[in-house]
Amino acid sequence: MLALGLVRHMLRSRRFYERVALAVIVLRSLSGIGQENRASMTARLAAWNKREMQRLEHKAEREARAVRGAGRMARPGPRRGLAGTMRTRTEGDEHGS
């Protein structure tokens, strides 16, 4: 009986309805803030992911160019540089003299 009387008194109380209304407002605003935080965090994460993918693509392109350049250097062909010119001069001197 006592609990029933307390509930009846609370339901008639203006202060009770003010507190309920305030609690509803606070909960709604907190949920809105949470949604905004999730949205901004998702946007920041998407931007970071885009930058990271671009960085990795550039890195892969640089490595691919380096591998192609190393392949060109390893290819057999006519000698270039100082060693090649020195050998042809000495061979020419031996045969020409």
C-alpha atoms as a PDB file:
ATOM      1  CA  MET A   1       0.000   0.000   0.000  1.00  0.00           C
ATOM      2  CA  LEU A   2       2.817   2.346   0.892  1.00  0.00           C
ATOM      3  CA  ALA A   3       4.524   1.834  -2.497  1.00  0.00           C
ATOM      4  CA  LEU A   4       1.266   2.485  -4.291  1.00  0.00           C
ATOM      5  CA  GLY A   5       0.770   5.729  -2.386  1.00  0.00           C
ATOM      6  CA  LEU A   6       4.335   6.795  -3.230  1.00  0.00           C
ATOM      7  CA  VAL A   7       3.804   6.103  -6.948  1.00  0.00           C
ATOM      8  CA  ARG A   8       0.536   8.035  -6.872  1.00  0.00           C
ATOM      9  CA  HIS A   9       2.240  10.967  -5.188  1.00  0.00           C
ATOM     10  CA  MET A  10       5.099  10.921  -7.754  1.00  0.00           C
ATOM     11  CA  LEU A  11       2.686  10.876 -10.678  1.00  0.00           C
ATOM     12  CA  ARG A  12       0.888  13.953  -9.283  1.00  0.00           C
ATOM     13  CA  SER A  13       4.157  15.796  -8.664  1.00  0.00           C
ATOM     14  CA  ARG A  14       5.180  18.500 -11.114  1.00  0.00           C
ATOM     15  CA  ARG A  15       8.837  18.104 -10.048  1.00  0.00           C
ATOM     16  CA  PHE A  16       8.762  14.437 -11.125  1.00  0.00           C
ATOM     17  CA  TYR A  17       7.629  15.359 -14.657  1.00  0.00           C
ATOM     18  CA  GLU A  18      10.293  18.086 -14.855  1.00  0.00           C
ATOM     19  CA  ARG A  19      12.980  15.558 -13.949  1.00  0.00           C
ATOM     20  CA  VAL A  20      11.685  13.034 -16.471  1.00  0.00           C
ATOM     21  CA  ALA A  21      11.613  15.709 -19.187  1.00  0.00           C
ATOM     22  CA  LEU A  22      15.151  16.802 -18.278  1.00  0.00           C
ATOM     23  CA  ALA A  23      16.371  13.182 -18.361  1.00  0.00           C
ATOM     24  CA  VAL A  24      14.813  12.698 -21.808  1.00  0.00           C
ATOM     25  CA  ILE A  25      16.469  15.877 -23.116  1.00  0.00           C
ATOM     26  CA  VAL A  26      19.859  14.875 -21.703  1.00  0.00           C
ATOM     27  CA  LEU A  27      19.655  11.357 -23.131  1.00  0.00           C
ATOM     28  CA  ARG A  28      18.632  12.605 -26.569  1.00  0.00           C
ATOM     29  CA  SER A  29      21.428  15.172 -26.676  1.00  0.00           C
ATOM     30  CA  LEU A  30      23.987  12.594 -25.538  1.00  0.00           C
ATOM     31  CA  SER A  31      22.873  10.165 -28.222  1.00  0.00           C
ATOM     32  CA  GLY A  32      23.098  12.970 -30.829  1.00  0.00           C
ATOM     33  CA  ILE A  33      26.605  13.833 -29.678  1.00  0.00           C
ATOM     34  CA  GLY A  34      27.557  10.161 -29.896  1.00  0.00           C
ATOM     35  CA  GLN A  35      26.259   9.922 -33.460  1.00  0.00           C
ATOM     36  CA  GLU A  36      28.159  13.073 -34.473  1.00  0.00           C
ATOM     37  CA  ASN A  37      31.343  11.697 -32.922  1.00  0.00           C
ATOM     38  CA  ARG A  38      30.950   8.422 -34.801  1.00  0.00           C
ATOM     39  CA  ALA A  39      30.301  10.266 -38.059  1.00  0.00           C
ATOM     40  CA  SER A  40      33.329  12.531 -37.702  1.00  0.00           C
ATOM     41  CA  MET A  41      35.512   9.621 -36.623  1.00  0.00           C
ATOM     42  CA  THR A  42      34.371   7.636 -39.659  1.00  0.00           C
ATOM     43  CA  ALA A  43      35.145  10.592 -41.937  1.00  0.00           C
ATOM     44  CA  ARG A  44      38.623  10.988 -40.415  1.00  0.00           C
ATOM     45  CA  LEU A  45      39.246   7.267 -40.780  1.00  0.00           C
ATOM     46  CA  ALA A  46      38.152   7.326 -44.424  1.00  0.00           C
ATOM     47  CA  ALA A  47      40.457  10.289 -45.143  1.00  0.00           C
ATOM     48  CA  TRP A  48      43.384   8.547 -43.425  1.00  0.00           C
ATOM     49  CA  ASN A  49      42.686   5.369 -45.380  1.00  0.00           C
ATOM     50  CA  LYS A  50      42.666   7.296 -48.671  1.00  0.00           C
ATOM     51  CA  ARG A  51      46.013   8.966 -47.854  1.00  0.00           C
ATOM     52  CA  GLU A  52      47.513   5.636 -46.798  1.00  0.00           C
ATOM     53  CA  MET A  53      46.395   3.932 -50.016  1.00  0.00           C
ATOM     54  CA  GLN A  54      47.899   6.767 -52.099  1.00  0.00           C
ATOM     55  CA  ARG A  55      51.149   6.509 -50.148  1.00  0.00           C
ATOM     56  CA  LEU A  56      51.326   2.753 -50.695  1.00  0.00           C
ATOM     57  CA  GLU A  57      50.561   3.132 -54.421  1.00  0.00           C
ATOM     58  CA  HIS A  58      53.356   5.693 -54.817  1.00  0.00           C
ATOM     59  CA  LYS A  59      55.725   3.424 -52.918  1.00  0.00           C
ATOM     60  CA  ALA A  60      54.836   0.465 -55.151  1.00  0.00           C
ATOM     61  CA  GLU A  61      55.375   2.593 -58.276  1.00  0.00           C
ATOM     62  CA  ARG A  62      58.809   3.702 -57.033  1.00  0.00           C
ATOM     63  CA  GLU A  63      59.778   0.106 -56.269  1.00  0.00           C
ATOM     64  CA  ALA A  64      58.548  -1.065 -59.680  1.00  0.00           C
ATOM     65  CA  ARG A  65      60.665   1.617 -61.387  1.00  0.00           C
ATOM     66  CA  ALA A  66      63.677   0.567 -59.327  1.00  0.00           C
ATOM     67  CA  VAL A  67      63.202  -3.076 -60.310  1.00  0.00           C
ATOM     68  CA  ARG A  68      62.847  -2.161 -63.993  1.00  0.00           C
ATOM     69  CA  GLY A  69      65.983  -0.018 -63.758  1.00  0.00           C
ATOM     70  CA  ALA A  70      67.929  -2.852 -62.142  1.00  0.00           C
ATOM     71  CA  GLY A  71      66.786  -5.191 -64.907  1.00  0.00           C
ATOM     72  CA  ARG A  72      68.078  -2.808 -67.552  1.00  0.00           C
ATOM     73  CA  MET A  73      71.426  -2.549 -65.796  1.00  0.00           C
ATOM     74  CA  ALA A  74      71.792  -6.357 -65.643  1.00  0.00           C
ATOM     75  CA  ARG A  75      71.041  -6.878 -69.355  1.00  0.00           C
ATOM     76  CA  PRO A  76      74.002  -8.012 -71.463  1.00  0.00           C
ATOM     77  CA  GLY A  77      75.043  -5.685 -74.214  1.00  0.00           C
ATOM     78  CA  PRO A  78      77.894  -3.541 -75.424  1.00  0.00           C
ATOM     79  CA  ARG A  79      80.132  -2.395 -72.645  1.00  0.00           C
ATOM     80  CA  ARG A  80      79.886   1.178 -71.583  1.00  0.00           C
ATOM     81  CA  GLY A  81      81.941   3.320 -69.321  1.00  0.00           C
ATOM     82  CA  LEU A  82      85.609   3.450 -68.488  1.00  0.00           C
ATOM     83  CA  ALA A  83      86.290  -0.311 -68.473  1.00  0.00           C
ATOM     84  CA  GLY A  84      84.888  -0.762 -71.965  1.00  0.00           C
ATOM     85  CA  THR A  85      86.914   2.089 -73.455  1.00  0.00           C
ATOM     86  CA  MET A  86      90.127   1.009 -71.755  1.00  0.00           C
ATOM     87  CA  ARG A  87      89.859  -2.530 -73.146  1.00  0.00           C
ATOM     88  CA  THR A  88      89.214  -1.399 -76.706  1.00  0.00           C
ATOM     89  CA  ARG A  89      92.136   1.017 -76.606  1.00  0.00           C
ATOM     90  CA  THR A  90      94.562  -1.596 -75.282  1.00  0.00           C
ATOM     91  CA  GLU A  91      93.308  -4.211 -77.743  1.00  0.00           C
ATOM     92  CA  GLY A  92      93.641  -1.721 -80.590  1.00  0.00           C
ATOM     93  CA  ASP A  93      97.155  -0.752 -79.513  1.00  0.00           C
ATOM     94  CA  GLU A  94      98.317  -4.363 -79.397  1.00  0.00           C
ATOM     95  CA  HIS A  95      96.969  -5.204 -82.829  1.00  0.00           C
ATOM     96  CA  GLY A  96      97.726  -1.865 -84.461  1.00  0.00           C
ATOM     97  CA  SER A  97     101.392  -1.644 -83.440  1.00  0.00           C
END
